[in-house]
Amino acid sequence: QRIPPAIQQMIDNMKRRQADRERRDREDFGQIPRVLMVAEKPSVAKLIAEHLSGGRLRTRRGQSRANQIFEFIKYFEPAREKCKLMVTSVVGHIFGLDFEDNRCKDLADLFWARTEKKVEDTSKKLR
């Protein structure tokens, strides 16, 4: 099936912008050391990135729809040079603990009961 010319032009423009963006990224960030900062939650990552960058940052989506990656270039004292700082976060509880035997006659027995690690349902949704 043939793609209408207007749609094809939009696709070509989008591909060209993406290639330009990737080229700029390689030029800007090619030889600069990278620093990864991981915050406890997305709102904290955003606040840290905004504060450290002075509001001059680029935002891009991460692997999960819940997490964003905030990028900026700044002098980083521990490295004693300009670095590309990337701030992101974790979300939710990845694993939870559950008792292997859900039936217990005496609550005191739970202190010695065997546990098993389970992937939390909220973590499964983030993929």
Foldseek 3Di string as FASTA:
>chain_A
DDDDPVVVVVVVVVVVVVVVVVVVCCVVAVPFAEAEAEDAAQVVLVVVLCVVQVNPWDWDADPFNRKIKTWDWDQDVVVRGIHIYITIYDDDDQKDKDFPDPDDDDPVCVVVTDIDIDGDPVNVVRD
